[in-house]
Amino acid sequence: MRLDKYLKVSRLIKRRTVANEACDGGRIVVNGKVARASYDVKEGDIIEINLGQKPLKVKVVAVNEHANKANAAEAYTVIE
């Protein structure tokens, strides 16, 4: 699954266009490298999101094409 779509489906970022712009702006880091929106997300990846005041670091647990509000947070675990 594309990185921008994963960020939207897991509800880490509210809109896919915002996720795409964050990737283009170099604000999303995957496994220590700045990632593009087209990056293919895999289980075990470490994603760092540098938006707003506090950066967020998560580990990908599951990659699901669809998620509802109740189970969206099961797709990742927060680190730090």
Protein backbone atom coordinates (compact mmCIF):
# COMPACT_ATOMS: atom_id res chain seq x y z
CA MET A 1 0.00 0.00 0.00
CA ARG A 2 1.24 3.50 -0.78
CA LEU A 3 2.51 5.54 2.16
CA ASP A 4 0.04 8.41 1.68
CA LYS A 5 -2.89 5.99 1.55
CA TYR A 6 -1.65 4.11 4.65
CA LEU A 7 -1.41 7.36 6.63
CA LYS A 8 -5.00 8.19 5.69
CA VAL A 9 -6.48 4.69 6.23
CA SER A 10 -4.79 4.36 9.64
CA ARG A 11 -6.00 7.89 10.48
CA LEU A 12 -2.52 9.14 11.37
CA ILE A 13 -3.21 12.01 8.95
CA LYS A 14 -6.79 13.06 8.28
CA ARG A 15 -6.68 13.57 4.49
CA ARG A 16 -4.69 11.83 1.76
CA THR A 17 -3.81 15.13 0.07
CA VAL A 18 -2.30 16.38 3.34
CA ALA A 19 -0.36 13.11 3.66
CA ASN A 20 0.88 13.50 0.09
CA GLU A 21 2.01 17.09 0.74
CA ALA A 22 3.76 16.03 3.97
CA CYS A 23 5.68 13.37 2.04
CA ASP A 24 6.64 15.86 -0.69
CA GLY A 25 7.79 18.31 1.99
CA GLY A 26 10.14 15.78 3.58
CA ARG A 27 8.16 15.59 6.83
CA ILE A 28 7.64 11.80 6.71
CA VAL A 29 10.60 9.52 7.48
CA VAL A 30 10.42 5.73 7.08
CA ASN A 31 13.19 3.57 8.56
CA GLY A 32 15.50 6.58 8.89
CA LYS A 33 15.07 7.85 5.31
CA VAL A 34 12.82 10.59 3.94
CA ALA A 35 10.04 8.77 2.08
CA ARG A 36 7.98 9.67 -0.94
CA ALA A 37 4.19 9.23 -1.09
CA SER A 38 4.65 6.24 -3.41
CA TYR A 39 6.73 4.27 -0.86
CA ASP A 40 5.34 0.75 -0.39
CA VAL A 41 4.52 0.33 3.33
CA LYS A 42 5.31 -3.07 4.88
CA GLU A 43 4.72 -4.53 8.33
CA GLY A 44 7.58 -3.66 10.68
CA ASP A 45 8.36 -0.27 9.10
CA ILE A 46 9.06 2.61 11.50
CA ILE A 47 7.32 5.82 10.40
CA GLU A 48 8.19 9.25 11.85
CA ILE A 49 5.70 12.06 11.22
CA ASN A 50 7.01 15.60 11.80
CA LEU A 51 3.85 17.71 11.69
CA GLY A 52 2.89 20.23 14.33
CA GLN A 53 4.60 20.67 17.69
CA LYS A 54 5.31 17.06 18.64
CA PRO A 55 6.76 14.49 16.22
CA LEU A 56 5.06 11.09 16.19
CA LYS A 57 6.89 7.79 15.75
CA VAL A 58 4.93 4.60 15.01
CA LYS A 59 5.63 1.00 14.01
CA VAL A 60 3.45 -0.56 11.32
CA VAL A 61 1.65 -3.64 12.69
CA ALA A 62 -0.81 -4.35 9.87
CA VAL A 63 -1.47 -3.06 6.38
CA ASN A 64 -5.22 -3.12 5.67
CA GLU A 65 -6.86 -1.67 2.56
CA HIS A 66 -9.89 -0.53 4.55
CA ALA A 67 -10.37 0.37 8.19
CA ASN A 68 -13.18 1.90 10.16
CA LYS A 69 -12.82 4.33 13.02
CA ALA A 70 -12.92 1.57 15.65
CA ASN A 71 -10.05 -0.55 14.31
CA ALA A 72 -7.86 2.08 12.57
CA ALA A 73 -5.51 2.35 15.57
CA GLU A 74 -4.81 -1.40 15.41
CA ALA A 75 -2.72 -0.83 12.27
CA TYR A 76 0.18 0.70 14.24
CA THR A 77 1.77 1.01 17.67
CA VAL A 78 3.18 4.28 19.00
CA ILE A 79 6.89 4.31 19.87
CA GLU A 80 8.23 6.91 22.38
